N, C-alpha and C. Protein backbone atom coordinates (compact mmCIF):
# COMPACT_ATOMS: atom_id res chain seq x y z
N MET A 1 0.85 -1.18 0.00
CA MET A 1 0.00 0.00 0.00
C MET A 1 0.89 1.25 0.00
N MET A 2 0.51 2.21 -0.82
CA MET A 2 1.29 3.43 -0.97
C MET A 2 0.49 4.60 -0.42
N ASP A 3 1.15 5.57 0.19
CA ASP A 3 0.43 6.76 0.65
C ASP A 3 0.61 7.88 -0.37
N GLY A 4 -0.14 8.95 -0.17
CA GLY A 4 -0.12 10.08 -1.10
C GLY A 4 1.23 10.74 -1.22
N ARG A 5 1.96 10.82 -0.13
CA ARG A 5 3.28 11.47 -0.12
C ARG A 5 4.27 10.69 -1.00
N GLU A 6 4.26 9.36 -0.86
CA GLU A 6 5.17 8.54 -1.68
C GLU A 6 4.81 8.65 -3.16
N LEU A 7 3.51 8.59 -3.48
CA LEU A 7 3.08 8.71 -4.88
C LEU A 7 3.53 10.04 -5.46
N GLU A 8 3.29 11.11 -4.72
CA GLU A 8 3.67 12.44 -5.21
C GLU A 8 5.18 12.54 -5.42
N GLY A 9 5.95 12.00 -4.50
CA GLY A 9 7.41 12.04 -4.63
C GLY A 9 7.89 11.31 -5.87
N ARG A 10 7.35 10.11 -6.11
CA ARG A 10 7.74 9.34 -7.28
C ARG A 10 7.27 10.01 -8.56
N TYR A 11 6.08 10.60 -8.53
CA TYR A 11 5.56 11.33 -9.70
C TYR A 11 6.46 12.52 -10.01
N ASN A 12 6.82 13.28 -9.00
CA ASN A 12 7.68 14.46 -9.19
C ASN A 12 9.09 14.08 -9.66
N ALA A 13 9.50 12.83 -9.39
CA ALA A 13 10.80 12.34 -9.85
C ALA A 13 10.73 11.84 -11.29
N GLY A 14 9.53 11.90 -11.90
CA GLY A 14 9.39 11.53 -13.30
C GLY A 14 8.65 10.24 -13.57
N GLU A 15 8.34 9.47 -12.54
CA GLU A 15 7.60 8.23 -12.75
C GLU A 15 6.15 8.55 -13.08
N ARG A 16 5.57 7.82 -14.02
CA ARG A 16 4.18 8.07 -14.41
C ARG A 16 3.30 6.82 -14.33
N ASN A 17 3.88 5.64 -14.41
CA ASN A 17 3.09 4.42 -14.45
C ASN A 17 2.97 3.80 -13.05
N PHE A 18 1.73 3.81 -12.54
CA PHE A 18 1.46 3.26 -11.21
C PHE A 18 0.35 2.21 -11.31
N ARG A 19 0.43 1.36 -12.31
CA ARG A 19 -0.57 0.34 -12.59
C ARG A 19 -0.80 -0.53 -11.35
N GLY A 20 -2.09 -0.69 -10.99
CA GLY A 20 -2.47 -1.59 -9.92
C GLY A 20 -2.08 -1.17 -8.51
N VAL A 21 -1.63 0.06 -8.32
CA VAL A 21 -1.19 0.52 -7.01
C VAL A 21 -2.37 0.60 -6.03
N ASP A 22 -2.11 0.34 -4.77
CA ASP A 22 -3.13 0.41 -3.73
C ASP A 22 -3.00 1.75 -3.00
N LEU A 23 -3.95 2.64 -3.26
CA LEU A 23 -3.96 3.97 -2.64
C LEU A 23 -5.25 4.20 -1.85
N ARG A 24 -5.79 3.12 -1.29
CA ARG A 24 -7.03 3.26 -0.51
C ARG A 24 -6.88 4.33 0.56
N GLY A 25 -7.83 5.28 0.55
CA GLY A 25 -7.86 6.31 1.57
C GLY A 25 -6.72 7.32 1.50
N ALA A 26 -5.94 7.30 0.44
CA ALA A 26 -4.79 8.22 0.32
C ALA A 26 -5.25 9.67 0.24
N ASP A 27 -4.44 10.57 0.79
CA ASP A 27 -4.73 12.00 0.73
C ASP A 27 -3.93 12.61 -0.41
N LEU A 28 -4.63 12.93 -1.50
CA LEU A 28 -4.02 13.54 -2.68
C LEU A 28 -4.71 14.86 -2.99
N GLN A 29 -5.27 15.47 -1.97
CA GLN A 29 -6.01 16.72 -2.14
C GLN A 29 -5.12 17.80 -2.76
N GLY A 30 -5.62 18.38 -3.86
CA GLY A 30 -4.93 19.49 -4.52
C GLY A 30 -3.65 19.13 -5.26
N LYS A 31 -3.32 17.85 -5.36
CA LYS A 31 -2.07 17.45 -6.02
C LYS A 31 -2.19 17.58 -7.54
N VAL A 32 -1.09 17.91 -8.19
CA VAL A 32 -1.03 17.98 -9.65
C VAL A 32 -0.41 16.68 -10.14
N LEU A 33 -1.25 15.85 -10.78
CA LEU A 33 -0.83 14.53 -11.26
C LEU A 33 -1.27 14.33 -12.71
N ARG A 34 -1.01 15.31 -13.54
CA ARG A 34 -1.43 15.27 -14.94
C ARG A 34 -0.80 14.08 -15.67
N ALA A 35 -1.63 13.44 -16.50
CA ALA A 35 -1.20 12.33 -17.36
C ALA A 35 -0.63 11.15 -16.58
N ILE A 36 -0.98 11.01 -15.32
CA ILE A 36 -0.54 9.87 -14.52
C ILE A 36 -1.28 8.62 -15.00
N ALA A 37 -0.61 7.48 -14.96
CA ALA A 37 -1.23 6.21 -15.34
C ALA A 37 -1.52 5.42 -14.07
N LEU A 38 -2.82 5.28 -13.76
CA LEU A 38 -3.26 4.54 -12.58
C LEU A 38 -4.28 3.46 -12.96
N PRO A 39 -4.04 2.72 -14.06
CA PRO A 39 -5.02 1.70 -14.42
C PRO A 39 -5.08 0.60 -13.37
N ARG A 40 -6.29 0.13 -13.12
CA ARG A 40 -6.53 -0.94 -12.14
C ARG A 40 -6.06 -0.60 -10.73
N ALA A 41 -5.93 0.69 -10.45
CA ALA A 41 -5.51 1.13 -9.11
C ALA A 41 -6.69 1.08 -8.14
N ASN A 42 -6.38 0.90 -6.87
CA ASN A 42 -7.40 0.93 -5.83
C ASN A 42 -7.33 2.30 -5.14
N LEU A 43 -8.32 3.13 -5.42
CA LEU A 43 -8.39 4.48 -4.85
C LEU A 43 -9.67 4.63 -4.02
N GLN A 44 -10.16 3.54 -3.47
CA GLN A 44 -11.38 3.60 -2.67
C GLN A 44 -11.22 4.60 -1.54
N GLY A 45 -12.18 5.51 -1.44
CA GLY A 45 -12.19 6.48 -0.35
C GLY A 45 -11.05 7.48 -0.38
N ALA A 46 -10.28 7.54 -1.46
CA ALA A 46 -9.16 8.48 -1.54
C ALA A 46 -9.66 9.91 -1.60
N ASN A 47 -8.88 10.83 -1.06
CA ASN A 47 -9.21 12.25 -1.09
C ASN A 47 -8.46 12.90 -2.25
N LEU A 48 -9.20 13.21 -3.32
CA LEU A 48 -8.63 13.84 -4.51
C LEU A 48 -9.30 15.19 -4.76
N GLN A 49 -9.83 15.80 -3.71
CA GLN A 49 -10.50 17.09 -3.86
C GLN A 49 -9.54 18.11 -4.46
N GLY A 50 -9.99 18.77 -5.52
CA GLY A 50 -9.19 19.81 -6.15
C GLY A 50 -7.93 19.33 -6.85
N ALA A 51 -7.76 18.02 -6.98
CA ALA A 51 -6.57 17.48 -7.65
C ALA A 51 -6.65 17.72 -9.15
N ASP A 52 -5.50 17.83 -9.79
CA ASP A 52 -5.41 18.01 -11.24
C ASP A 52 -4.94 16.70 -11.85
N LEU A 53 -5.89 15.98 -12.45
CA LEU A 53 -5.60 14.69 -13.08
C LEU A 53 -5.90 14.74 -14.58
N GLN A 54 -5.71 15.90 -15.18
CA GLN A 54 -5.98 16.04 -16.62
C GLN A 54 -5.24 14.97 -17.40
N GLY A 55 -5.98 14.29 -18.30
CA GLY A 55 -5.37 13.30 -19.18
C GLY A 55 -4.88 12.05 -18.49
N ALA A 56 -5.30 11.80 -17.27
CA ALA A 56 -4.86 10.61 -16.53
C ALA A 56 -5.51 9.35 -17.10
N ASP A 57 -4.87 8.22 -16.87
CA ASP A 57 -5.42 6.92 -17.26
C ASP A 57 -5.84 6.20 -15.98
N LEU A 58 -7.15 6.12 -15.78
CA LEU A 58 -7.71 5.46 -14.59
C LEU A 58 -8.63 4.31 -15.01
N HIS A 59 -8.40 3.74 -16.20
CA HIS A 59 -9.30 2.68 -16.64
C HIS A 59 -9.26 1.49 -15.69
N ASN A 60 -10.45 0.93 -15.47
CA ASN A 60 -10.64 -0.22 -14.57
C ASN A 60 -10.19 0.04 -13.13
N SER A 61 -10.05 1.30 -12.74
CA SER A 61 -9.66 1.62 -11.36
C SER A 61 -10.88 1.62 -10.44
N ASP A 62 -10.63 1.43 -9.17
CA ASP A 62 -11.68 1.43 -8.16
C ASP A 62 -11.63 2.74 -7.39
N LEU A 63 -12.57 3.62 -7.69
CA LEU A 63 -12.67 4.93 -7.03
C LEU A 63 -13.95 5.00 -6.19
N GLN A 64 -14.40 3.86 -5.74
CA GLN A 64 -15.63 3.80 -4.96
C GLN A 64 -15.51 4.68 -3.72
N GLY A 65 -16.47 5.59 -3.56
CA GLY A 65 -16.49 6.47 -2.40
C GLY A 65 -15.38 7.50 -2.37
N ALA A 66 -14.69 7.70 -3.49
CA ALA A 66 -13.59 8.69 -3.53
C ALA A 66 -14.15 10.11 -3.49
N HIS A 67 -13.36 11.02 -2.97
CA HIS A 67 -13.73 12.43 -2.85
C HIS A 67 -13.02 13.21 -3.96
N LEU A 68 -13.79 13.60 -4.98
CA LEU A 68 -13.23 14.25 -6.17
C LEU A 68 -13.87 15.61 -6.42
N GLN A 69 -14.38 16.25 -5.37
CA GLN A 69 -15.01 17.55 -5.54
C GLN A 69 -14.00 18.53 -6.13
N ASN A 70 -14.45 19.30 -7.12
CA ASN A 70 -13.63 20.33 -7.77
C ASN A 70 -12.35 19.80 -8.41
N ALA A 71 -12.24 18.51 -8.61
CA ALA A 71 -11.05 17.94 -9.26
C ALA A 71 -11.13 18.18 -10.76
N ASP A 72 -9.98 18.23 -11.41
CA ASP A 72 -9.91 18.36 -12.87
C ASP A 72 -9.55 17.00 -13.45
N LEU A 73 -10.57 16.34 -14.00
CA LEU A 73 -10.39 15.04 -14.64
C LEU A 73 -10.70 15.15 -16.13
N SER A 74 -10.48 16.32 -16.69
CA SER A 74 -10.77 16.51 -18.11
C SER A 74 -9.88 15.60 -18.96
N HIS A 75 -10.50 15.01 -19.97
CA HIS A 75 -9.82 14.12 -20.92
C HIS A 75 -9.16 12.93 -20.23
N THR A 76 -9.76 12.49 -19.14
CA THR A 76 -9.26 11.34 -18.39
C THR A 76 -9.92 10.06 -18.87
N ASN A 77 -9.18 8.96 -18.88
CA ASN A 77 -9.72 7.66 -19.26
C ASN A 77 -10.22 6.95 -18.01
N LEU A 78 -11.55 6.87 -17.89
CA LEU A 78 -12.19 6.18 -16.76
C LEU A 78 -13.00 4.99 -17.27
N TYR A 79 -12.54 4.38 -18.35
CA TYR A 79 -13.20 3.24 -18.96
C TYR A 79 -13.40 2.14 -17.92
N GLN A 80 -14.64 1.71 -17.75
CA GLN A 80 -15.04 0.66 -16.81
C GLN A 80 -14.52 0.87 -15.39
N ALA A 81 -14.35 2.11 -14.99
CA ALA A 81 -13.93 2.42 -13.62
C ALA A 81 -15.13 2.28 -12.67
N ASN A 82 -14.85 1.98 -11.42
CA ASN A 82 -15.88 1.90 -10.39
C ASN A 82 -15.89 3.21 -9.62
N LEU A 83 -16.94 4.00 -9.85
CA LEU A 83 -17.09 5.29 -9.17
C LEU A 83 -18.37 5.30 -8.33
N LYS A 84 -18.79 4.14 -7.87
CA LYS A 84 -20.00 4.07 -7.04
C LYS A 84 -19.83 4.94 -5.81
N ARG A 85 -20.85 5.74 -5.54
CA ARG A 85 -20.89 6.63 -4.38
C ARG A 85 -19.73 7.64 -4.33
N ALA A 86 -19.07 7.87 -5.46
CA ALA A 86 -17.99 8.87 -5.51
C ALA A 86 -18.60 10.27 -5.48
N ASP A 87 -17.89 11.20 -4.89
CA ASP A 87 -18.33 12.60 -4.81
C ASP A 87 -17.57 13.41 -5.86
N LEU A 88 -18.27 13.74 -6.94
CA LEU A 88 -17.68 14.46 -8.06
C LEU A 88 -18.33 15.83 -8.23
N ARG A 89 -18.83 16.39 -7.14
CA ARG A 89 -19.48 17.70 -7.23
C ARG A 89 -18.53 18.74 -7.81
N SER A 90 -19.03 19.48 -8.78
CA SER A 90 -18.30 20.58 -9.43
C SER A 90 -16.98 20.15 -10.06
N ALA A 91 -16.83 18.87 -10.35
CA ALA A 91 -15.60 18.39 -11.00
C ALA A 91 -15.62 18.73 -12.49
N ASN A 92 -14.43 18.92 -13.06
CA ASN A 92 -14.28 19.13 -14.50
C ASN A 92 -14.02 17.78 -15.13
N LEU A 93 -15.04 17.26 -15.83
CA LEU A 93 -14.96 15.96 -16.48
C LEU A 93 -15.12 16.11 -17.99
N ASN A 94 -14.83 17.28 -18.51
CA ASN A 94 -14.99 17.55 -19.94
C ASN A 94 -14.12 16.60 -20.76
N GLY A 95 -14.75 15.97 -21.76
CA GLY A 95 -14.02 15.09 -22.66
C GLY A 95 -13.55 13.80 -22.04
N ALA A 96 -14.00 13.48 -20.83
CA ALA A 96 -13.57 12.25 -20.16
C ALA A 96 -14.28 11.04 -20.76
N LEU A 97 -13.63 9.89 -20.70
CA LEU A 97 -14.17 8.64 -21.21
C LEU A 97 -14.66 7.80 -20.03
N PHE A 98 -15.98 7.59 -19.98
CA PHE A 98 -16.61 6.81 -18.91
C PHE A 98 -17.29 5.56 -19.45
N THR A 99 -16.95 5.11 -20.63
CA THR A 99 -17.63 3.96 -21.24
C THR A 99 -17.63 2.78 -20.27
N GLY A 100 -18.84 2.26 -19.99
CA GLY A 100 -18.98 1.11 -19.12
C GLY A 100 -18.66 1.35 -17.66
N ALA A 101 -18.50 2.60 -17.26
CA ALA A 101 -18.16 2.91 -15.86
C ALA A 101 -19.37 2.73 -14.95
N GLU A 102 -19.12 2.44 -13.69
CA GLU A 102 -20.15 2.30 -12.66
C GLU A 102 -20.20 3.59 -11.86
N LEU A 103 -21.31 4.33 -11.99
CA LEU A 103 -21.47 5.61 -11.28
C LEU A 103 -22.75 5.60 -10.43
N CYS A 104 -23.19 4.43 -10.01
CA CYS A 104 -24.40 4.32 -9.19
C CYS A 104 -24.24 5.14 -7.91
N HIS A 105 -25.24 5.93 -7.60
CA HIS A 105 -25.27 6.76 -6.40
C HIS A 105 -24.14 7.79 -6.34
N ALA A 106 -23.48 8.05 -7.46
CA ALA A 106 -22.42 9.07 -7.48
C ALA A 106 -23.05 10.46 -7.44
N ASN A 107 -22.35 11.41 -6.85
CA ASN A 107 -22.83 12.79 -6.78
C ASN A 107 -22.05 13.63 -7.78
N LEU A 108 -22.75 14.01 -8.87
CA LEU A 108 -22.15 14.82 -9.94
C LEU A 108 -22.85 16.17 -10.03
N HIS A 109 -23.36 16.65 -8.91
CA HIS A 109 -24.04 17.94 -8.87
C HIS A 109 -23.09 19.03 -9.37
N ARG A 110 -23.56 19.80 -10.35
CA ARG A 110 -22.80 20.90 -10.96
C ARG A 110 -21.49 20.46 -11.62
N ALA A 111 -21.34 19.18 -11.91
CA ALA A 111 -20.15 18.72 -12.62
C ALA A 111 -20.23 19.14 -14.09
N SER A 112 -19.09 19.34 -14.70
CA SER A 112 -19.02 19.68 -16.12
C SER A 112 -18.58 18.45 -16.90
N LEU A 113 -19.51 17.93 -17.72
CA LEU A 113 -19.27 16.73 -18.51
C LEU A 113 -19.43 17.04 -20.00
N ILE A 114 -18.99 18.21 -20.41
CA ILE A 114 -19.12 18.63 -21.80
C ILE A 114 -18.29 17.69 -22.69
N GLN A 115 -18.95 17.14 -23.72
CA GLN A 115 -18.32 16.21 -24.67
C GLN A 115 -17.79 14.93 -24.00
N ALA A 116 -18.29 14.59 -22.82
CA ALA A 116 -17.87 13.35 -22.16
C ALA A 116 -18.53 12.15 -22.82
N ASP A 117 -17.88 11.01 -22.78
CA ASP A 117 -18.40 9.77 -23.34
C ASP A 117 -18.86 8.88 -22.18
N LEU A 118 -20.19 8.76 -22.03
CA LEU A 118 -20.78 7.96 -20.97
C LEU A 118 -21.55 6.77 -21.55
N CYS A 119 -21.14 6.29 -22.72
CA CYS A 119 -21.80 5.15 -23.35
C CYS A 119 -21.79 3.95 -22.40
N GLU A 120 -22.95 3.35 -22.24
CA GLU A 120 -23.12 2.15 -21.42
C GLU A 120 -22.69 2.33 -19.97
N ALA A 121 -22.57 3.56 -19.51
CA ALA A 121 -22.25 3.80 -18.09
C ALA A 121 -23.50 3.58 -17.25
N ASP A 122 -23.34 3.12 -16.03
CA ASP A 122 -24.46 2.91 -15.12
C ASP A 122 -24.51 4.08 -14.14
N LEU A 123 -25.52 4.93 -14.33
CA LEU A 123 -25.72 6.13 -13.50
C LEU A 123 -26.98 5.99 -12.64
N THR A 124 -27.36 4.78 -12.30
CA THR A 124 -28.54 4.54 -11.49
C THR A 124 -28.44 5.30 -10.17
N HIS A 125 -29.48 6.06 -9.86
CA HIS A 125 -29.56 6.86 -8.63
C HIS A 125 -28.46 7.93 -8.51
N ALA A 126 -27.79 8.25 -9.60
CA ALA A 126 -26.76 9.30 -9.55
C ALA A 126 -27.41 10.68 -9.52
N ASN A 127 -26.72 11.64 -8.94
CA ASN A 127 -27.20 13.02 -8.90
C ASN A 127 -26.43 13.84 -9.93
N LEU A 128 -27.13 14.20 -11.02
CA LEU A 128 -26.56 15.02 -12.08
C LEU A 128 -27.30 16.36 -12.16
N SER A 129 -27.88 16.78 -11.05
CA SER A 129 -28.61 18.05 -11.06
C SER A 129 -27.64 19.19 -11.35
N HIS A 130 -28.07 20.09 -12.21
CA HIS A 130 -27.28 21.26 -12.61
C HIS A 130 -25.98 20.88 -13.34
N ALA A 131 -25.84 19.64 -13.77
CA ALA A 131 -24.63 19.23 -14.49
C ALA A 131 -24.66 19.75 -15.93
N GLN A 132 -23.49 19.98 -16.47
CA GLN A 132 -23.33 20.42 -17.86
C GLN A 132 -22.97 19.19 -18.70
N LEU A 133 -23.94 18.72 -19.50
CA LEU A 133 -23.74 17.54 -20.33
C LEU A 133 -23.85 17.90 -21.81
N ILE A 134 -23.45 19.11 -22.16
CA ILE A 134 -23.55 19.59 -23.54
C ILE A 134 -22.69 18.71 -24.45
N GLY A 135 -23.33 18.14 -25.46
CA GLY A 135 -22.62 17.30 -26.42
C GLY A 135 -22.13 15.98 -25.87
N ALA A 136 -22.57 15.60 -24.68
CA ALA A 136 -22.15 14.33 -24.09
C ALA A 136 -22.83 13.17 -24.81
N THR A 137 -22.16 12.03 -24.83
CA THR A 137 -22.71 10.82 -25.43
C THR A 137 -23.12 9.87 -24.30
N LEU A 138 -24.42 9.58 -24.25
CA LEU A 138 -24.97 8.70 -23.21
C LEU A 138 -25.69 7.50 -23.85
N LYS A 139 -25.21 7.05 -25.00
CA LYS A 139 -25.83 5.92 -25.69
C LYS A 139 -25.82 4.70 -24.79
N LYS A 140 -27.00 4.08 -24.67
CA LYS A 140 -27.18 2.87 -23.87
C LYS A 140 -26.81 3.04 -22.40
N ALA A 141 -26.71 4.27 -21.93
CA ALA A 141 -26.41 4.51 -20.52
C ALA A 141 -27.63 4.15 -19.67
N ILE A 142 -27.39 3.74 -18.45
CA ILE A 142 -28.47 3.41 -17.52
C ILE A 142 -28.64 4.61 -16.60
N LEU A 143 -29.79 5.27 -16.76
CA LEU A 143 -30.09 6.49 -15.99
C LEU A 143 -31.35 6.27 -15.15
N LYS A 144 -31.52 5.10 -14.60
CA LYS A 144 -32.70 4.77 -13.81
C LYS A 144 -32.67 5.53 -12.49
N LYS A 145 -33.76 6.25 -12.25
CA LYS A 145 -33.93 7.04 -11.02
C LYS A 145 -32.78 8.03 -10.82
N THR A 146 -32.23 8.51 -11.92
CA THR A 146 -31.16 9.50 -11.90
C THR A 146 -31.75 10.89 -11.80
N ASN A 147 -31.10 11.78 -11.10
CA ASN A 147 -31.56 13.16 -10.97
C ASN A 147 -30.89 14.02 -12.03
N LEU A 148 -31.67 14.43 -13.04
CA LEU A 148 -31.18 15.30 -14.11
C LEU A 148 -31.85 16.67 -14.05
N THR A 149 -32.41 17.04 -12.90
CA THR A 149 -33.08 18.34 -12.81
C THR A 149 -32.08 19.45 -13.05
N TRP A 150 -32.50 20.41 -13.86
CA TRP A 150 -31.70 21.57 -14.22
C TRP A 150 -30.41 21.22 -14.98
N ALA A 151 -30.26 19.98 -15.42
CA ALA A 151 -29.07 19.60 -16.19
C ALA A 151 -29.16 20.17 -17.61
N ASN A 152 -28.03 20.47 -18.19
CA ASN A 152 -27.96 20.99 -19.55
C ASN A 152 -27.54 19.85 -20.47
N LEU A 153 -28.51 19.34 -21.23
CA LEU A 153 -28.29 18.22 -22.13
C LEU A 153 -28.37 18.64 -23.60
N ARG A 154 -28.10 19.91 -23.88
CA ARG A 154 -28.14 20.37 -25.27
C ARG A 154 -27.11 19.60 -26.11
N HIS A 155 -27.58 19.14 -27.26
CA HIS A 155 -26.74 18.41 -28.22
C HIS A 155 -26.22 17.08 -27.67
N ALA A 156 -26.77 16.60 -26.57
CA ALA A 156 -26.36 15.31 -26.01
C ALA A 156 -27.02 14.17 -26.79
N ASN A 157 -26.45 12.98 -26.71
CA ASN A 157 -27.00 11.82 -27.38
C ASN A 157 -27.41 10.79 -26.34
N LEU A 158 -28.75 10.60 -26.21
CA LEU A 158 -29.31 9.64 -25.25
C LEU A 158 -29.90 8.43 -25.96
N HIS A 159 -29.46 8.15 -27.19
CA HIS A 159 -30.03 7.05 -27.96
C HIS A 159 -29.90 5.73 -27.20
N GLN A 160 -31.02 5.05 -27.06
CA GLN A 160 -31.14 3.76 -26.36
C GLN A 160 -30.74 3.82 -24.88
N ALA A 161 -30.75 5.02 -24.30
CA ALA A 161 -30.49 5.14 -22.86
C ALA A 161 -31.73 4.69 -22.08
N HIS A 162 -31.53 4.19 -20.89
CA HIS A 162 -32.61 3.72 -20.02
C HIS A 162 -32.90 4.81 -19.00
N LEU A 163 -34.11 5.41 -19.09
CA LEU A 163 -34.45 6.57 -18.27
C LEU A 163 -35.63 6.33 -17.33
N GLU A 164 -35.86 5.12 -16.91
CA GLU A 164 -37.00 4.82 -16.05
C GLU A 164 -36.90 5.54 -14.71
N GLY A 165 -37.92 6.34 -14.38
CA GLY A 165 -37.97 7.04 -13.10
C GLY A 165 -36.99 8.19 -12.99
N THR A 166 -36.45 8.65 -14.10
CA THR A 166 -35.46 9.73 -14.10
C THR A 166 -36.14 11.08 -13.90
N ALA A 167 -35.59 11.91 -13.02
CA ALA A 167 -36.12 13.26 -12.78
C ALA A 167 -35.49 14.21 -13.79
N ILE A 168 -36.35 14.86 -14.62
CA ILE A 168 -35.82 15.74 -15.67
C ILE A 168 -36.39 17.15 -15.60
N ALA A 169 -37.02 17.51 -14.49
CA ALA A 169 -37.63 18.84 -14.38
C ALA A 169 -36.61 19.93 -14.67
N ASP A 170 -37.00 20.85 -15.53
CA ASP A 170 -36.19 22.02 -15.89
C ASP A 170 -34.86 21.70 -16.57
N ALA A 171 -34.69 20.47 -17.03
CA ALA A 171 -33.49 20.12 -17.80
C ALA A 171 -33.61 20.69 -19.21
N GLN A 172 -32.48 21.01 -19.82
CA GLN A 172 -32.46 21.57 -21.18
C GLN A 172 -32.14 20.47 -22.18
N PHE A 173 -33.01 20.34 -23.20
CA PHE A 173 -32.88 19.27 -24.19
C PHE A 173 -32.80 19.79 -25.62
N GLU A 174 -32.28 20.94 -25.86
CA GLU A 174 -32.22 21.50 -27.21
C GLU A 174 -31.30 20.68 -28.12
N LYS A 175 -31.87 20.20 -29.21
CA LYS A 175 -31.14 19.38 -30.20
C LYS A 175 -30.52 18.14 -29.55
N THR A 176 -31.24 17.55 -28.63
CA THR A 176 -30.80 16.34 -27.94
C THR A 176 -31.39 15.12 -28.64
N THR A 177 -30.59 14.09 -28.85
CA THR A 177 -31.10 12.84 -29.40
C THR A 177 -31.68 12.03 -28.25
N LEU A 178 -32.98 11.72 -28.36
CA LEU A 178 -33.70 11.01 -27.30
C LEU A 178 -33.49 9.50 -27.42
N PRO A 179 -33.91 8.73 -26.39
CA PRO A 179 -33.71 7.28 -26.42
C PRO A 179 -34.27 6.58 -27.66
N ASP A 180 -35.37 7.11 -28.21
CA ASP A 180 -35.96 6.49 -29.40
C ASP A 180 -35.29 6.94 -30.69
N GLY A 181 -34.28 7.77 -30.60
CA GLY A 181 -33.54 8.23 -31.77
C GLY A 181 -34.03 9.53 -32.37
N THR A 182 -35.14 10.07 -31.85
CA THR A 182 -35.66 11.33 -32.38
C THR A 182 -34.87 12.50 -31.80
N LEU A 183 -34.88 13.59 -32.56
CA LEU A 183 -34.20 14.80 -32.13
C LEU A 183 -35.20 15.70 -31.42
N CYS A 184 -34.84 16.19 -30.27
CA CYS A 184 -35.73 17.01 -29.45
C CYS A 184 -35.35 18.47 -29.52
N SER A 185 -36.38 19.32 -29.56
CA SER A 185 -36.11 20.75 -29.55
C SER A 185 -36.67 21.42 -28.31
N ASP A 186 -37.55 20.75 -27.59
CA ASP A 186 -38.16 21.27 -26.37
C ASP A 186 -38.01 20.25 -25.25
N SER A 187 -38.75 20.47 -24.15
CA SER A 187 -38.76 19.51 -23.04
C SER A 187 -39.52 18.27 -23.47
N PRO A 188 -38.86 17.11 -23.47
CA PRO A 188 -39.50 15.88 -23.93
C PRO A 188 -40.39 15.24 -22.88
N GLN A 189 -41.24 14.35 -23.33
CA GLN A 189 -42.03 13.51 -22.44
C GLN A 189 -41.34 12.15 -22.43
N LEU A 190 -40.53 11.90 -21.44
CA LEU A 190 -39.78 10.64 -21.39
C LEU A 190 -40.49 9.62 -20.52
């Protein structure tokens, strides 16, 4: 098991590949770890508030219950990552890859997911209220009982997404592709 101080020291010395590292509960708050490779890493409950992880590789990593408020994860690879119950409030997730990721019960309130790829991601019971999902791809995503109130879904693609029990009050759907493949210009009846 590695702590945040050791990881930061090795990163600052030029090391970038930390495949499979165990960082459970590590304190990485505010750390700059751009383009770090943490595939299959265990980051359960880690504190990454305000951290800069732009362009990081976190595919298949376990971030269950991680604290990522205000973190910069733009253009990060989170393919099939476990983000159940993760706190991503106000995080920058623009252009991030979440294909097949688990985001059940995750808090993405006011998160920015512009141009993010959430194909086949499981967002059951996730909070995406006030989130920016402009141009995001949510094809075949599971959005059951997800909170999308006040979310901005302009130009988003929800083709074949599962929206049973989803809260969409005051969400913006301008030029959004709906689950049935039709293009929406107003508030849809889902």
